[in-house]
Amino acid sequence: MKPVKDALDAALARIDPRLALALMALVVAVIGWESWVLVLRQPLARYQMVTAAHGNLESVEGINAGLATQEKELTARLEELEQKVAGASSRLAPDELLVDLVARLEVLAMQRGVKLNGVKPGVSREVPMFEEMSFNVDVRGSYGALFEWLQDIESGLGAVSVKSFRIGTGAEPSVLTMALELAAYRRRGTEVRP
């Protein structure tokens, strides 16, 4: 054992100290690289994956919050539109609906200075998703008053549309007569109030 040790000491004594230092630095570098490859790389890769997944979840959570807000807004808008389409008189029986419509037309006519001459029920029929009830209405008034009255009908009576109309001159040049066919709509299956 002594001869091996003496031979090793002799070989080391012949090596330049700078070369020995460089060899030790190389050994330390190889050990460091090996520890990186075997020990540290996988946990670091997992950490990066977890961080990326966390970022994705936060962005999805933000999208979901935006979608929830948008869903609430759309639901509120849908309810508003359903209520507008249904109208205030949607639960009335057809004969009560005629009375309600005449009363509301009369109020709108008085507000605009239009004279409501008559309202007669027309044909009722079913169209996709709705029940359509027609009414023939005769009115007279100035051009401006009739125009504003028609706008009031459009905005104030819910689901009512003008199917046809005729305008003629009255006894006085400034007074016009108008014959309208109005159609009131309500959703099919709406319960009739007892």
C-alpha atoms as a PDB file:
ATOM      1  CA  MET A   1       0.000   0.000   0.000  1.00  0.00           C
ATOM      2  CA  LYS A   2       2.917   2.259   0.720  1.00  0.00           C
ATOM      3  CA  PRO A   3       4.356   1.927  -2.793  1.00  0.00           C
ATOM      4  CA  VAL A   4       1.014   2.992  -4.353  1.00  0.00           C
ATOM      5  CA  LYS A   5       0.811   5.965  -2.060  1.00  0.00           C
ATOM      6  CA  ASP A   6       4.367   6.966  -2.842  1.00  0.00           C
ATOM      7  CA  ALA A   7       3.749   6.645  -6.578  1.00  0.00           C
ATOM      8  CA  LEU A   8       0.578   8.732  -6.286  1.00  0.00           C
ATOM      9  CA  ASP A   9       2.391  11.411  -4.268  1.00  0.00           C
ATOM     10  CA  ALA A  10       5.150  11.533  -6.864  1.00  0.00           C
ATOM     11  CA  ALA A  11       2.632  11.893  -9.702  1.00  0.00           C
ATOM     12  CA  LEU A  12       0.794  14.662  -7.867  1.00  0.00           C
ATOM     13  CA  ALA A  13       4.021  16.487  -7.140  1.00  0.00           C
ATOM     14  CA  ARG A  14       4.793  16.590 -10.863  1.00  0.00           C
ATOM     15  CA  ILE A  15       1.309  18.150 -11.697  1.00  0.00           C
ATOM     16  CA  ASP A  16       1.209  21.908 -11.942  1.00  0.00           C
ATOM     17  CA  PRO A  17      -0.946  23.373  -9.115  1.00  0.00           C
ATOM     18  CA  ARG A  18      -2.971  25.439 -11.631  1.00  0.00           C
ATOM     19  CA  LEU A  19      -3.865  22.301 -13.566  1.00  0.00           C
ATOM     20  CA  ALA A  20      -4.962  20.580 -10.360  1.00  0.00           C
ATOM     21  CA  LEU A  21      -7.139  23.584  -9.522  1.00  0.00           C
ATOM     22  CA  ALA A  22      -8.638  23.534 -13.017  1.00  0.00           C
ATOM     23  CA  LEU A  23      -9.366  19.774 -12.706  1.00  0.00           C
ATOM     24  CA  MET A  24     -11.074  20.328  -9.352  1.00  0.00           C
ATOM     25  CA  ALA A  25     -13.157  23.158 -10.811  1.00  0.00           C
ATOM     26  CA  LEU A  26     -14.135  20.871 -13.713  1.00  0.00           C
ATOM     27  CA  VAL A  27     -15.156  18.111 -11.288  1.00  0.00           C
ATOM     28  CA  VAL A  28     -17.258  20.596  -9.268  1.00  0.00           C
ATOM     29  CA  ALA A  29     -18.883  21.885 -12.496  1.00  0.00           C
ATOM     30  CA  VAL A  30     -19.712  18.323 -13.648  1.00  0.00           C
ATOM     31  CA  ILE A  31     -21.204  17.522 -10.245  1.00  0.00           C
ATOM     32  CA  GLY A  32     -23.256  20.770 -10.340  1.00  0.00           C
ATOM     33  CA  TRP A  33     -24.524  20.036 -13.861  1.00  0.00           C
ATOM     34  CA  GLU A  34     -25.409  16.473 -12.887  1.00  0.00           C
ATOM     35  CA  SER A  35     -27.343  17.703  -9.817  1.00  0.00           C
ATOM     36  CA  TRP A  36     -29.222  20.141 -12.049  1.00  0.00           C
ATOM     37  CA  VAL A  37     -30.169  17.411 -14.496  1.00  0.00           C
ATOM     38  CA  LEU A  38     -31.062  14.779 -11.916  1.00  0.00           C
ATOM     39  CA  VAL A  39     -32.380  16.723  -8.925  1.00  0.00           C
ATOM     40  CA  LEU A  40     -33.445  20.315  -9.674  1.00  0.00           C
ATOM     41  CA  ARG A  41     -34.746  20.345 -13.260  1.00  0.00           C
ATOM     42  CA  GLN A  42     -37.918  18.293 -12.673  1.00  0.00           C
ATOM     43  CA  PRO A  43     -39.164  20.287  -9.645  1.00  0.00           C
ATOM     44  CA  LEU A  44     -38.456  23.535 -11.484  1.00  0.00           C
ATOM     45  CA  ALA A  45     -40.380  22.293 -14.537  1.00  0.00           C
ATOM     46  CA  ARG A  46     -43.296  21.253 -12.281  1.00  0.00           C
ATOM     47  CA  TYR A  47     -43.238  24.663 -10.597  1.00  0.00           C
ATOM     48  CA  GLN A  48     -43.381  26.387 -13.979  1.00  0.00           C
ATOM     49  CA  MET A  49     -46.319  24.166 -15.033  1.00  0.00           C
ATOM     50  CA  VAL A  50     -48.182  24.938 -11.802  1.00  0.00           C
ATOM     51  CA  THR A  51     -47.562  28.663 -12.231  1.00  0.00           C
ATOM     52  CA  ALA A  52     -48.824  28.532 -15.832  1.00  0.00           C
ATOM     53  CA  ALA A  53     -51.911  26.532 -14.785  1.00  0.00           C
ATOM     54  CA  HIS A  54     -52.615  29.017 -11.994  1.00  0.00           C
ATOM     55  CA  GLY A  55     -52.425  31.878 -14.507  1.00  0.00           C
ATOM     56  CA  ASN A  56     -54.795  30.042 -16.841  1.00  0.00           C
ATOM     57  CA  LEU A  57     -57.252  29.429 -13.999  1.00  0.00           C
ATOM     58  CA  GLU A  58     -57.182  33.100 -13.043  1.00  0.00           C
ATOM     59  CA  SER A  59     -57.916  34.126 -16.627  1.00  0.00           C
ATOM     60  CA  VAL A  60     -60.748  31.572 -16.874  1.00  0.00           C
ATOM     61  CA  GLU A  61     -62.115  32.850 -13.566  1.00  0.00           C
ATOM     62  CA  GLY A  62     -62.052  36.390 -14.964  1.00  0.00           C
ATOM     63  CA  ILE A  63     -63.840  35.242 -18.102  1.00  0.00           C
ATOM     64  CA  ASN A  64     -66.452  33.415 -16.001  1.00  0.00           C
ATOM     65  CA  ALA A  65     -67.062  36.520 -13.900  1.00  0.00           C
ATOM     66  CA  GLY A  66     -67.548  38.544 -17.088  1.00  0.00           C
ATOM     67  CA  LEU A  67     -69.883  35.907 -18.488  1.00  0.00           C
ATOM     68  CA  ALA A  68     -71.902  35.823 -15.271  1.00  0.00           C
ATOM     69  CA  THR A  69     -72.331  39.592 -15.399  1.00  0.00           C
ATOM     70  CA  GLN A  70     -73.268  39.443 -19.062  1.00  0.00           C
ATOM     71  CA  GLU A  71     -75.717  36.622 -18.363  1.00  0.00           C
ATOM     72  CA  LYS A  72     -77.430  38.695 -15.655  1.00  0.00           C
ATOM     73  CA  GLU A  73     -77.689  41.678 -18.004  1.00  0.00           C
ATOM     74  CA  LEU A  74     -79.096  39.554 -20.823  1.00  0.00           C
ATOM     75  CA  THR A  75     -81.551  37.830 -18.479  1.00  0.00           C
ATOM     76  CA  ALA A  76     -82.798  41.201 -17.233  1.00  0.00           C
ATOM     77  CA  ARG A  77     -83.110  42.460 -20.819  1.00  0.00           C
ATOM     78  CA  LEU A  78     -84.977  39.294 -21.839  1.00  0.00           C
ATOM     79  CA  GLU A  79     -87.412  39.662 -18.951  1.00  0.00           C
ATOM     80  CA  GLU A  80     -87.942  43.307 -19.909  1.00  0.00           C
ATOM     81  CA  LEU A  81     -88.638  42.346 -23.526  1.00  0.00           C
ATOM     82  CA  GLU A  82     -90.968  39.506 -22.501  1.00  0.00           C
ATOM     83  CA  GLN A  83     -92.888  41.906 -20.291  1.00  0.00           C
ATOM     84  CA  LYS A  84     -93.081  44.452 -23.109  1.00  0.00           C
ATOM     85  CA  VAL A  85     -94.285  41.812 -25.572  1.00  0.00           C
ATOM     86  CA  ALA A  86     -96.783  40.463 -23.081  1.00  0.00           C
ATOM     87  CA  GLY A  87     -98.052  43.949 -22.282  1.00  0.00           C
ATOM     88  CA  ALA A  88    -100.072  44.992 -19.273  1.00  0.00           C
ATOM     89  CA  SER A  89    -103.238  43.390 -20.622  1.00  0.00           C
ATOM     90  CA  SER A  90    -101.768  40.020 -21.571  1.00  0.00           C
ATOM     91  CA  ARG A  91    -103.784  38.128 -18.954  1.00  0.00           C
ATOM     92  CA  LEU A  92    -107.162  39.581 -19.939  1.00  0.00           C
ATOM     93  CA  ALA A  93    -109.868  37.607 -21.722  1.00  0.00           C
ATOM     94  CA  PRO A  94    -110.385  38.704 -25.361  1.00  0.00           C
ATOM     95  CA  ASP A  95    -113.521  40.762 -24.586  1.00  0.00           C
ATOM     96  CA  GLU A  96    -111.779  42.431 -21.623  1.00  0.00           C
ATOM     97  CA  LEU A  97    -108.773  43.069 -23.848  1.00  0.00           C
ATOM     98  CA  LEU A  98    -110.981  45.033 -26.267  1.00  0.00           C
ATOM     99  CA  VAL A  99    -112.316  47.191 -23.426  1.00  0.00           C
ATOM    100  CA  ASP A 100    -108.790  47.752 -22.076  1.00  0.00           C
ATOM    101  CA  LEU A 101    -107.455  48.615 -25.532  1.00  0.00           C
ATOM    102  CA  VAL A 102    -110.280  51.093 -26.218  1.00  0.00           C
ATOM    103  CA  ALA A 103    -109.680  52.784 -22.852  1.00  0.00           C
ATOM    104  CA  ARG A 104    -105.944  53.098 -23.484  1.00  0.00           C
ATOM    105  CA  LEU A 105    -106.481  54.309 -27.067  1.00  0.00           C
ATOM    106  CA  GLU A 106    -108.929  56.927 -25.765  1.00  0.00           C
ATOM    107  CA  VAL A 107    -106.439  58.197 -23.174  1.00  0.00           C
ATOM    108  CA  LEU A 108    -103.692  58.462 -25.790  1.00  0.00           C
ATOM    109  CA  ALA A 109    -106.114  60.181 -28.210  1.00  0.00           C
ATOM    110  CA  MET A 110    -107.164  62.769 -25.605  1.00  0.00           C
ATOM    111  CA  GLN A 111    -103.528  63.516 -24.820  1.00  0.00           C
ATOM    112  CA  ARG A 112    -102.846  64.342 -28.488  1.00  0.00           C
ATOM    113  CA  GLY A 113    -106.132  66.041 -29.396  1.00  0.00           C
ATOM    114  CA  VAL A 114    -107.318  63.160 -31.585  1.00  0.00           C
ATOM    115  CA  LYS A 115    -111.001  62.155 -31.679  1.00  0.00           C
ATOM    116  CA  LEU A 116    -111.562  58.401 -31.412  1.00  0.00           C
ATOM    117  CA  ASN A 117    -114.707  57.693 -33.510  1.00  0.00           C
ATOM    118  CA  GLY A 118    -114.946  53.940 -33.055  1.00  0.00           C
ATOM    119  CA  VAL A 119    -113.226  50.659 -32.345  1.00  0.00           C
ATOM    120  CA  LYS A 120    -114.569  47.364 -33.686  1.00  0.00           C
ATOM    121  CA  PRO A 121    -113.119  43.916 -33.029  1.00  0.00           C
ATOM    122  CA  GLY A 122    -111.751  42.132 -36.062  1.00  0.00           C
ATOM    123  CA  VAL A 123    -110.550  38.601 -36.698  1.00  0.00           C
ATOM    124  CA  SER A 124    -108.500  36.738 -34.092  1.00  0.00           C
ATOM    125  CA  ARG A 125    -105.984  34.139 -35.210  1.00  0.00           C
ATOM    126  CA  GLU A 126    -102.918  32.311 -34.033  1.00  0.00           C
ATOM    127  CA  VAL A 127     -99.521  33.125 -35.487  1.00  0.00           C
ATOM    128  CA  PRO A 128     -96.240  31.466 -34.463  1.00  0.00           C
ATOM    129  CA  MET A 129     -95.886  31.815 -30.672  1.00  0.00           C
ATOM    130  CA  PHE A 130     -98.616  34.501 -30.443  1.00  0.00           C
ATOM    131  CA  GLU A 131    -102.341  35.048 -30.510  1.00  0.00           C
ATOM    132  CA  GLU A 132    -103.219  37.949 -32.821  1.00  0.00           C
ATOM    133  CA  MET A 133    -106.392  39.989 -32.221  1.00  0.00           C
ATOM    134  CA  SER A 134    -107.316  42.553 -34.871  1.00  0.00           C
ATOM    135  CA  PHE A 135    -109.215  45.790 -34.247  1.00  0.00           C
ATOM    136  CA  ASN A 136    -110.573  48.369 -36.688  1.00  0.00           C
ATOM    137  CA  VAL A 137    -110.149  51.909 -35.364  1.00  0.00           C
ATOM    138  CA  ASP A 138    -111.545  55.168 -36.827  1.00  0.00           C
ATOM    139  CA  VAL A 139    -110.019  58.471 -35.674  1.00  0.00           C
ATOM    140  CA  ARG A 140    -109.811  62.066 -36.795  1.00  0.00           C
ATOM    141  CA  GLY A 141    -107.480  64.929 -36.031  1.00  0.00           C
ATOM    142  CA  SER A 142    -104.739  67.109 -37.466  1.00  0.00           C
ATOM    143  CA  TYR A 143    -101.843  65.504 -39.299  1.00  0.00           C
ATOM    144  CA  GLY A 144     -99.378  66.260 -36.477  1.00  0.00           C
ATOM    145  CA  ALA A 145    -101.766  64.997 -33.785  1.00  0.00           C
ATOM    146  CA  LEU A 146    -102.433  61.755 -35.691  1.00  0.00           C
ATOM    147  CA  PHE A 147     -98.715  61.212 -36.242  1.00  0.00           C
ATOM    148  CA  GLU A 148     -97.914  61.717 -32.541  1.00  0.00           C
ATOM    149  CA  TRP A 149    -100.857  59.499 -31.550  1.00  0.00           C
ATOM    150  CA  LEU A 150     -99.489  56.682 -33.734  1.00  0.00           C
ATOM    151  CA  GLN A 151     -96.077  57.071 -32.087  1.00  0.00           C
ATOM    152  CA  ASP A 152     -97.753  56.912 -28.661  1.00  0.00           C
ATOM    153  CA  ILE A 153     -99.523  53.696 -29.681  1.00  0.00           C
ATOM    154  CA  GLU A 154     -96.221  52.174 -30.758  1.00  0.00           C
ATOM    155  CA  SER A 155     -94.441  53.040 -27.530  1.00  0.00           C
ATOM    156  CA  GLY A 156     -97.302  52.830 -25.025  1.00  0.00           C
ATOM    157  CA  LEU A 157     -99.464  49.862 -25.917  1.00  0.00           C
ATOM    158  CA  GLY A 158     -96.915  47.071 -25.841  1.00  0.00           C
ATOM    159  CA  ALA A 159     -97.264  44.486 -28.574  1.00  0.00           C
ATOM    160  CA  VAL A 160     -99.617  46.345 -30.927  1.00  0.00           C
ATOM    161  CA  SER A 161     -98.896  46.959 -34.586  1.00  0.00           C
ATOM    162  CA  VAL A 162    -100.619  48.824 -37.384  1.00  0.00           C
ATOM    163  CA  LYS A 163    -101.510  46.291 -40.079  1.00  0.00           C
ATOM    164  CA  SER A 164    -103.078  48.790 -42.482  1.00  0.00           C
ATOM    165  CA  PHE A 165    -104.394  52.343 -42.558  1.00  0.00           C
ATOM    166  CA  ARG A 166    -106.225  54.808 -44.808  1.00  0.00           C
ATOM    167  CA  ILE A 167    -106.047  58.568 -44.476  1.00  0.00           C
ATOM    168  CA  GLY A 168    -108.578  60.916 -45.974  1.00  0.00           C
ATOM    169  CA  THR A 169    -109.634  64.524 -45.617  1.00  0.00           C
ATOM    170  CA  GLY A 170    -112.427  65.460 -43.275  1.00  0.00           C
ATOM    171  CA  ALA A 171    -115.085  68.147 -43.477  1.00  0.00           C
ATOM    172  CA  GLU A 172    -112.497  70.774 -42.585  1.00  0.00           C
ATOM    173  CA  PRO A 173    -109.235  71.015 -44.570  1.00  0.00           C
ATOM    174  CA  SER A 174    -107.055  70.841 -41.438  1.00  0.00           C
ATOM    175  CA  VAL A 175    -108.781  67.709 -40.103  1.00  0.00           C
ATOM    176  CA  LEU A 176    -107.887  64.263 -41.418  1.00  0.00           C
ATOM    177  CA  THR A 177    -109.727  60.980 -40.916  1.00  0.00           C
ATOM    178  CA  MET A 178    -107.859  57.743 -40.476  1.00  0.00           C
ATOM    179  CA  ALA A 179    -109.075  54.152 -40.550  1.00  0.00           C
ATOM    180  CA  LEU A 180    -106.612  51.729 -38.978  1.00  0.00           C
ATOM    181  CA  GLU A 181    -106.435  48.000 -38.604  1.00  0.00           C
ATOM    182  CA  LEU A 182    -104.492  47.324 -35.410  1.00  0.00           C
ATOM    183  CA  ALA A 183    -103.264  43.918 -34.303  1.00  0.00           C
ATOM    184  CA  ALA A 184    -102.662  43.225 -30.622  1.00  0.00           C
ATOM    185  CA  TYR A 185    -100.413  40.293 -29.807  1.00  0.00           C
ATOM    186  CA  ARG A 186    -100.005  38.190 -26.713  1.00  0.00           C
ATOM    187  CA  ARG A 187     -98.038  35.033 -26.159  1.00  0.00           C
ATOM    188  CA  ARG A 188     -99.937  31.837 -26.632  1.00  0.00           C
ATOM    189  CA  GLY A 189    -100.582  29.956 -23.441  1.00  0.00           C
ATOM    190  CA  THR A 190    -100.911  33.130 -21.376  1.00  0.00           C
ATOM    191  CA  GLU A 191    -103.353  32.413 -18.604  1.00  0.00           C
ATOM    192  CA  VAL A 192    -106.607  34.343 -18.717  1.00  0.00           C
ATOM    193  CA  ARG A 193    -107.454  36.139 -15.504  1.00  0.00           C
ATOM    194  CA  PRO A 194    -110.756  34.865 -13.987  1.00  0.00           C
END
